[in-house]
C-alpha cells in the first residue's frame, strides 16, 4: 500500500531523482514551459512551487537555499528577478500541467508544465506571426 507515500520515485535512486528534478526545475525557470512525461511533471510541480515560495521571500538565505537545490546561478537569478515577482499576488498554485497525447515511441503520457502567471510565446503558428491571410 502507498499510504502517506508522497514522493514519486520515477524508477531512480534518490541522488538521480534529485538531479533530474533540479534539471527540470532549471529548464522550467529558463524556458517558462517544458514538455515532459506526466509523471515527471507531477513530481516537478511541488519542487517548482517551493522554489517560487523561496523566490517570493527574497532574502539571502532563501537565495542560498535555491542555489543549493538548482546549482545554476542564472536560473536562481531568473527565479528571483522574473518568476517570483510575476507570482507575487498568488498564494499558491504557480504551475499548470496540461496533458498531451501519448509519446509516439513508447506511448508514455506527455504533458506541458508551465507557469500560470507568466505568458509563454508558443511557436509553431507562423501564419499568425507573419500576418498571412487565408
N, C-alpha and C. Protein backbone atom coordinates (compact mmCIF):
# COMPACT_ATOMS: atom_id res chain seq x y z
N UNK A 1 0.84 -1.18 0.00
CA UNK A 1 0.00 0.00 0.00
C UNK A 1 0.88 1.24 0.00
N UNK A 2 0.35 2.32 -0.53
CA UNK A 2 1.12 3.55 -0.63
C UNK A 2 0.59 4.63 0.31
N UNK A 3 0.09 4.26 1.45
CA UNK A 3 -0.43 5.26 2.37
C UNK A 3 0.67 6.21 2.81
N UNK A 4 0.42 7.48 2.69
CA UNK A 4 1.32 8.56 3.13
C UNK A 4 2.67 8.52 2.43
N UNK A 5 2.74 7.95 1.27
CA UNK A 5 3.96 7.96 0.48
C UNK A 5 3.82 9.09 -0.53
N UNK A 6 4.56 10.15 -0.34
CA UNK A 6 4.35 11.36 -1.13
C UNK A 6 5.24 11.41 -2.36
N UNK A 7 6.43 10.86 -2.29
CA UNK A 7 7.41 11.04 -3.36
C UNK A 7 7.23 9.98 -4.45
N UNK A 8 7.15 10.45 -5.68
CA UNK A 8 7.19 9.55 -6.83
C UNK A 8 8.66 9.21 -7.09
N UNK A 9 8.99 7.93 -7.15
CA UNK A 9 10.39 7.54 -7.26
C UNK A 9 10.94 7.63 -8.68
N UNK A 10 10.08 7.62 -9.67
CA UNK A 10 10.48 7.78 -11.07
C UNK A 10 11.54 6.76 -11.51
N UNK A 11 11.53 5.57 -10.91
CA UNK A 11 12.43 4.48 -11.28
C UNK A 11 13.90 4.87 -11.13
N UNK A 12 14.24 5.73 -10.14
CA UNK A 12 15.61 6.20 -9.96
C UNK A 12 15.97 6.18 -8.49
N UNK A 13 17.26 6.04 -8.16
CA UNK A 13 17.68 6.24 -6.77
C UNK A 13 17.59 7.73 -6.40
N UNK A 14 17.72 8.03 -5.13
CA UNK A 14 17.43 9.37 -4.63
C UNK A 14 18.33 10.43 -5.25
N UNK A 15 19.62 10.16 -5.40
CA UNK A 15 20.51 11.19 -5.94
C UNK A 15 20.22 11.47 -7.41
N UNK A 16 19.86 10.46 -8.18
CA UNK A 16 19.50 10.69 -9.58
C UNK A 16 18.17 11.42 -9.70
N UNK A 17 17.23 11.09 -8.82
CA UNK A 17 15.93 11.75 -8.83
C UNK A 17 16.08 13.23 -8.50
N UNK A 18 16.91 13.53 -7.52
CA UNK A 18 17.14 14.93 -7.14
C UNK A 18 17.80 15.70 -8.29
N UNK A 19 18.77 15.08 -8.96
CA UNK A 19 19.43 15.73 -10.09
C UNK A 19 18.45 15.94 -11.24
N UNK A 20 17.60 14.95 -11.49
CA UNK A 20 16.60 15.08 -12.55
C UNK A 20 15.65 16.23 -12.27
N UNK A 21 15.11 16.30 -11.05
CA UNK A 21 14.16 17.35 -10.71
C UNK A 21 14.83 18.72 -10.69
N UNK A 22 16.08 18.76 -10.29
CA UNK A 22 16.82 20.02 -10.31
C UNK A 22 16.98 20.52 -11.75
N UNK A 23 17.34 19.61 -12.65
CA UNK A 23 17.49 20.00 -14.06
C UNK A 23 16.17 20.41 -14.68
N UNK A 24 15.11 19.69 -14.35
CA UNK A 24 13.79 20.07 -14.88
C UNK A 24 13.35 21.43 -14.33
N UNK A 25 13.63 21.69 -13.07
CA UNK A 25 13.25 22.97 -12.47
C UNK A 25 14.04 24.11 -13.13
N UNK A 26 15.32 23.90 -13.39
CA UNK A 26 16.11 24.92 -14.08
C UNK A 26 15.56 25.18 -15.48
N UNK A 27 15.20 24.12 -16.18
CA UNK A 27 14.64 24.29 -17.52
C UNK A 27 13.30 25.02 -17.47
N UNK A 28 12.48 24.70 -16.49
CA UNK A 28 11.18 25.37 -16.35
C UNK A 28 11.37 26.85 -16.06
N UNK A 29 12.32 27.19 -15.21
CA UNK A 29 12.58 28.60 -14.89
C UNK A 29 13.09 29.35 -16.11
N UNK A 30 14.00 28.73 -16.85
CA UNK A 30 14.59 29.41 -18.00
C UNK A 30 13.64 29.47 -19.20
N UNK A 31 12.95 28.37 -19.47
CA UNK A 31 12.13 28.28 -20.68
C UNK A 31 10.67 28.68 -20.47
N UNK A 32 10.23 28.78 -19.24
CA UNK A 32 8.86 29.14 -18.86
C UNK A 32 7.84 28.03 -19.11
N UNK A 33 8.18 27.07 -19.94
CA UNK A 33 7.28 25.95 -20.24
C UNK A 33 8.11 24.82 -20.82
N UNK A 34 7.90 23.61 -20.29
CA UNK A 34 8.64 22.46 -20.81
C UNK A 34 7.67 21.32 -21.08
N UNK A 35 8.08 20.46 -21.99
CA UNK A 35 7.31 19.27 -22.34
C UNK A 35 8.03 18.07 -21.77
N UNK A 36 7.34 17.30 -20.95
CA UNK A 36 7.95 16.15 -20.30
C UNK A 36 6.87 15.10 -20.08
N UNK A 37 7.23 13.99 -19.47
CA UNK A 37 6.22 12.98 -19.18
C UNK A 37 5.33 13.46 -18.04
N UNK A 38 4.14 12.90 -17.98
CA UNK A 38 3.17 13.32 -16.97
C UNK A 38 3.68 13.02 -15.56
N UNK A 39 4.33 11.88 -15.37
CA UNK A 39 4.84 11.54 -14.04
C UNK A 39 5.93 12.52 -13.59
N UNK A 40 6.81 12.90 -14.50
CA UNK A 40 7.86 13.86 -14.15
C UNK A 40 7.26 15.24 -13.89
N UNK A 41 6.25 15.63 -14.65
CA UNK A 41 5.59 16.92 -14.43
C UNK A 41 4.91 16.95 -13.06
N UNK A 42 4.27 15.86 -12.69
CA UNK A 42 3.61 15.81 -11.38
C UNK A 42 4.62 15.82 -10.24
N UNK A 43 5.79 15.22 -10.46
CA UNK A 43 6.83 15.24 -9.44
C UNK A 43 7.51 16.60 -9.37
N UNK A 44 7.55 17.32 -10.49
CA UNK A 44 8.22 18.62 -10.54
C UNK A 44 7.39 19.73 -9.92
N UNK A 45 6.07 19.63 -9.99
CA UNK A 45 5.23 20.73 -9.53
C UNK A 45 5.50 21.15 -8.08
N UNK A 46 5.53 20.24 -7.08
CA UNK A 46 5.80 20.71 -5.72
C UNK A 46 7.19 21.30 -5.56
N UNK A 47 8.16 20.80 -6.30
CA UNK A 47 9.52 21.35 -6.23
C UNK A 47 9.52 22.78 -6.76
N UNK A 48 8.89 23.00 -7.90
CA UNK A 48 8.86 24.33 -8.50
C UNK A 48 8.09 25.32 -7.62
N UNK A 49 7.02 24.87 -7.02
CA UNK A 49 6.24 25.78 -6.18
C UNK A 49 7.00 26.15 -4.91
N UNK A 50 7.77 25.23 -4.36
CA UNK A 50 8.59 25.57 -3.19
C UNK A 50 9.69 26.55 -3.58
N UNK A 51 10.24 26.40 -4.77
CA UNK A 51 11.26 27.34 -5.23
C UNK A 51 10.68 28.73 -5.43
N UNK A 52 9.46 28.83 -5.94
CA UNK A 52 8.83 30.14 -6.10
C UNK A 52 8.57 30.77 -4.73
N UNK A 53 8.19 29.96 -3.76
CA UNK A 53 7.99 30.48 -2.41
C UNK A 53 9.30 31.03 -1.85
N UNK A 54 10.41 30.35 -2.11
CA UNK A 54 11.72 30.90 -1.73
C UNK A 54 11.99 32.20 -2.46
N UNK A 55 11.65 32.25 -3.74
CA UNK A 55 11.87 33.47 -4.51
C UNK A 55 11.03 34.63 -4.02
N UNK A 56 9.84 34.34 -3.55
CA UNK A 56 8.98 35.41 -3.01
C UNK A 56 9.51 35.93 -1.69
N UNK A 57 10.18 35.04 -0.91
CA UNK A 57 10.79 35.51 0.34
C UNK A 57 11.90 36.51 0.05
N UNK A 58 12.75 36.17 -0.90
CA UNK A 58 13.71 37.12 -1.46
C UNK A 58 14.92 37.45 -0.61
N UNK A 59 15.11 36.87 0.55
CA UNK A 59 16.28 37.22 1.36
C UNK A 59 17.48 36.37 0.94
N UNK A 60 18.61 36.66 1.57
CA UNK A 60 19.85 35.99 1.20
C UNK A 60 19.80 34.50 1.50
N UNK A 61 19.21 34.13 2.62
CA UNK A 61 19.13 32.72 2.97
C UNK A 61 18.28 31.95 1.97
N UNK A 62 17.18 32.55 1.53
CA UNK A 62 16.33 31.90 0.52
C UNK A 62 17.08 31.74 -0.80
N UNK A 63 17.86 32.74 -1.16
CA UNK A 63 18.65 32.67 -2.40
C UNK A 63 19.69 31.54 -2.31
N UNK A 64 20.31 31.39 -1.16
CA UNK A 64 21.31 30.34 -0.99
C UNK A 64 20.65 28.96 -0.97
N UNK A 65 19.46 28.85 -0.39
CA UNK A 65 18.75 27.58 -0.41
C UNK A 65 18.39 27.19 -1.85
N UNK A 66 17.92 28.17 -2.63
CA UNK A 66 17.56 27.90 -4.02
C UNK A 66 18.81 27.52 -4.83
N UNK A 67 19.92 28.19 -4.58
CA UNK A 67 21.16 27.86 -5.28
C UNK A 67 21.66 26.48 -4.89
N UNK A 68 21.44 26.08 -3.65
CA UNK A 68 21.83 24.75 -3.21
C UNK A 68 21.03 23.66 -3.91
N UNK A 69 19.80 23.96 -4.29
CA UNK A 69 19.00 22.96 -4.98
C UNK A 69 19.21 23.02 -6.49
N UNK A 70 19.21 24.22 -7.06
CA UNK A 70 19.26 24.35 -8.52
C UNK A 70 20.67 24.22 -9.10
N UNK A 71 21.68 24.70 -8.38
CA UNK A 71 23.08 24.62 -8.79
C UNK A 71 23.42 25.44 -10.02
N UNK A 72 22.56 26.37 -10.42
CA UNK A 72 22.84 27.24 -11.57
C UNK A 72 22.51 28.68 -11.18
N UNK A 73 23.52 29.53 -11.19
CA UNK A 73 23.31 30.91 -10.76
C UNK A 73 22.35 31.66 -11.68
N UNK A 74 22.39 31.36 -12.97
CA UNK A 74 21.50 32.04 -13.91
C UNK A 74 20.04 31.68 -13.63
N UNK A 75 19.78 30.43 -13.31
CA UNK A 75 18.41 30.01 -13.01
C UNK A 75 17.92 30.65 -11.72
N UNK A 76 18.80 30.75 -10.72
CA UNK A 76 18.41 31.38 -9.45
C UNK A 76 18.12 32.86 -9.68
N UNK A 77 18.94 33.52 -10.48
CA UNK A 77 18.71 34.93 -10.78
C UNK A 77 17.38 35.13 -11.49
N UNK A 78 17.06 34.26 -12.46
CA UNK A 78 15.77 34.38 -13.15
C UNK A 78 14.61 34.08 -12.21
N UNK A 79 14.79 33.12 -11.31
CA UNK A 79 13.75 32.80 -10.34
C UNK A 79 13.43 34.00 -9.46
N UNK A 80 14.46 34.66 -8.94
CA UNK A 80 14.25 35.76 -8.01
C UNK A 80 13.88 37.06 -8.73
N UNK A 81 14.35 37.26 -9.96
CA UNK A 81 14.11 38.53 -10.66
C UNK A 81 12.88 38.52 -11.56
N UNK A 82 12.52 37.36 -12.13
CA UNK A 82 11.44 37.30 -13.10
C UNK A 82 10.24 36.50 -12.60
N UNK A 83 10.47 35.28 -12.18
CA UNK A 83 9.36 34.37 -11.86
C UNK A 83 8.66 34.78 -10.57
N UNK A 84 9.43 35.00 -9.51
CA UNK A 84 8.82 35.32 -8.21
C UNK A 84 8.03 36.63 -8.23
N UNK A 85 8.52 37.72 -8.83
CA UNK A 85 7.69 38.93 -8.87
C UNK A 85 6.42 38.76 -9.69
N UNK A 86 6.47 37.91 -10.73
CA UNK A 86 5.26 37.68 -11.52
C UNK A 86 4.21 36.91 -10.73
N UNK A 87 4.65 36.11 -9.77
CA UNK A 87 3.74 35.30 -8.95
C UNK A 87 3.47 35.93 -7.59
N UNK A 88 3.79 37.20 -7.41
CA UNK A 88 3.71 37.83 -6.09
C UNK A 88 2.27 37.90 -5.57
N UNK A 89 1.30 38.07 -6.43
CA UNK A 89 -0.08 38.21 -5.99
C UNK A 89 -0.73 36.87 -5.66
N UNK A 90 -0.19 35.80 -6.14
CA UNK A 90 -0.79 34.47 -5.99
C UNK A 90 -0.30 33.81 -4.71
N UNK A 91 -1.19 33.13 -4.00
CA UNK A 91 -0.84 32.47 -2.74
C UNK A 91 -0.32 31.05 -2.93
N UNK A 92 -0.45 30.50 -4.08
CA UNK A 92 -0.01 29.14 -4.36
C UNK A 92 -0.53 28.73 -5.72
N UNK A 93 -0.19 27.55 -6.17
CA UNK A 93 -0.65 27.09 -7.48
C UNK A 93 0.00 27.84 -8.60
N UNK A 94 1.33 27.92 -8.58
CA UNK A 94 2.05 28.70 -9.56
C UNK A 94 2.24 27.98 -10.89
N UNK A 95 2.08 26.66 -10.90
CA UNK A 95 2.32 25.85 -12.10
C UNK A 95 1.02 25.27 -12.64
N UNK A 96 1.00 25.05 -13.92
CA UNK A 96 -0.13 24.42 -14.60
C UNK A 96 0.40 23.24 -15.39
N UNK A 97 -0.29 22.11 -15.27
CA UNK A 97 0.06 20.92 -16.05
C UNK A 97 -1.04 20.68 -17.07
N UNK A 98 -0.67 20.64 -18.34
CA UNK A 98 -1.61 20.39 -19.42
C UNK A 98 -1.26 19.06 -20.06
N UNK A 99 -2.19 18.13 -20.04
CA UNK A 99 -1.92 16.81 -20.58
C UNK A 99 -1.92 16.84 -22.09
N UNK A 100 -1.01 16.07 -22.66
CA UNK A 100 -0.93 15.89 -24.11
C UNK A 100 -1.23 14.43 -24.41
N UNK A 101 -1.12 14.07 -25.64
CA UNK A 101 -1.33 12.68 -26.00
C UNK A 101 -0.13 11.82 -25.65
N UNK A 102 -0.18 10.56 -25.97
CA UNK A 102 0.95 9.67 -25.68
C UNK A 102 2.12 9.94 -26.62
N UNK A 103 3.32 9.70 -26.11
CA UNK A 103 4.52 9.85 -26.93
C UNK A 103 4.55 8.73 -27.96
N UNK A 104 5.01 9.03 -29.16
CA UNK A 104 4.94 8.07 -30.25
C UNK A 104 5.83 6.85 -30.03
N UNK A 105 6.98 7.01 -29.45
CA UNK A 105 7.92 5.90 -29.32
C UNK A 105 7.49 4.83 -28.34
N UNK A 106 7.07 5.25 -27.14
CA UNK A 106 6.76 4.26 -26.11
C UNK A 106 5.39 4.45 -25.48
N UNK A 107 4.58 5.35 -26.02
CA UNK A 107 3.22 5.61 -25.56
C UNK A 107 3.18 6.13 -24.12
N UNK A 108 4.25 6.78 -23.67
CA UNK A 108 4.24 7.40 -22.35
C UNK A 108 3.36 8.65 -22.39
N UNK A 109 2.52 8.86 -21.39
CA UNK A 109 1.69 10.07 -21.38
C UNK A 109 2.56 11.31 -21.20
N UNK A 110 2.36 12.29 -22.07
CA UNK A 110 3.17 13.50 -22.06
C UNK A 110 2.34 14.67 -21.54
N UNK A 111 3.04 15.74 -21.10
CA UNK A 111 2.36 16.89 -20.56
C UNK A 111 3.25 18.11 -20.69
N UNK A 112 2.63 19.28 -20.75
CA UNK A 112 3.32 20.55 -20.60
C UNK A 112 3.20 20.97 -19.15
N UNK A 113 4.27 21.50 -18.59
CA UNK A 113 4.19 22.18 -17.30
C UNK A 113 4.69 23.59 -17.53
N UNK A 114 3.92 24.57 -17.05
CA UNK A 114 4.23 25.97 -17.31
C UNK A 114 3.78 26.81 -16.13
N UNK A 115 4.27 28.04 -16.09
CA UNK A 115 3.87 28.98 -15.05
C UNK A 115 2.50 29.55 -15.38
N UNK A 116 1.69 29.77 -14.39
CA UNK A 116 0.34 30.28 -14.60
C UNK A 116 0.37 31.77 -14.92
N UNK A 117 1.19 32.54 -14.22
CA UNK A 117 1.16 33.99 -14.34
C UNK A 117 2.12 34.56 -15.37
N UNK A 118 2.91 33.72 -16.01
CA UNK A 118 3.90 34.19 -16.98
C UNK A 118 3.46 33.76 -18.37
N UNK A 119 3.32 34.72 -19.25
CA UNK A 119 2.91 34.42 -20.62
C UNK A 119 4.05 33.72 -21.35
N UNK A 120 3.69 32.71 -22.12
CA UNK A 120 4.67 31.92 -22.87
C UNK A 120 4.39 32.13 -24.35
N UNK A 121 5.43 32.48 -25.10
CA UNK A 121 5.29 32.60 -26.54
C UNK A 121 5.34 31.19 -27.13
N UNK A 122 4.23 30.75 -27.69
CA UNK A 122 4.13 29.40 -28.23
C UNK A 122 4.49 29.46 -29.70
N UNK A 123 5.46 28.65 -30.11
CA UNK A 123 5.87 28.62 -31.51
C UNK A 123 5.03 27.65 -32.31
N UNK A 124 5.22 27.65 -33.61
CA UNK A 124 4.54 26.69 -34.45
C UNK A 124 3.42 27.29 -35.29
N UNK A 125 2.92 28.45 -34.93
CA UNK A 125 1.86 29.09 -35.70
C UNK A 125 2.45 30.30 -36.41
N UNK A 126 3.23 30.04 -37.44
CA UNK A 126 3.95 31.12 -38.13
C UNK A 126 3.03 32.00 -38.95
N UNK A 127 1.87 31.48 -39.38
CA UNK A 127 0.96 32.28 -40.21
C UNK A 127 0.43 33.48 -39.44
N UNK A 128 0.13 33.31 -38.17
CA UNK A 128 -0.40 34.43 -37.41
C UNK A 128 0.69 35.46 -37.14
N UNK A 129 1.92 35.02 -36.91
CA UNK A 129 3.00 35.95 -36.61
C UNK A 129 3.39 36.78 -37.82
N UNK A 130 3.29 36.20 -38.99
CA UNK A 130 3.68 36.92 -40.21
C UNK A 130 2.54 37.74 -40.80
N UNK A 131 1.36 37.59 -40.26
CA UNK A 131 0.22 38.34 -40.76
C UNK A 131 -0.34 37.78 -42.05
N UNK A 132 -0.13 36.53 -42.32
CA UNK A 132 -0.64 35.91 -43.54
C UNK A 132 -2.13 35.69 -43.44
N UNK A 133 -2.80 35.90 -44.54
CA UNK A 133 -4.25 35.70 -44.59
C UNK A 133 -4.56 34.52 -45.48
N UNK A 134 -5.68 33.87 -45.19
CA UNK A 134 -6.07 32.70 -45.99
C UNK A 134 -6.69 33.08 -47.28
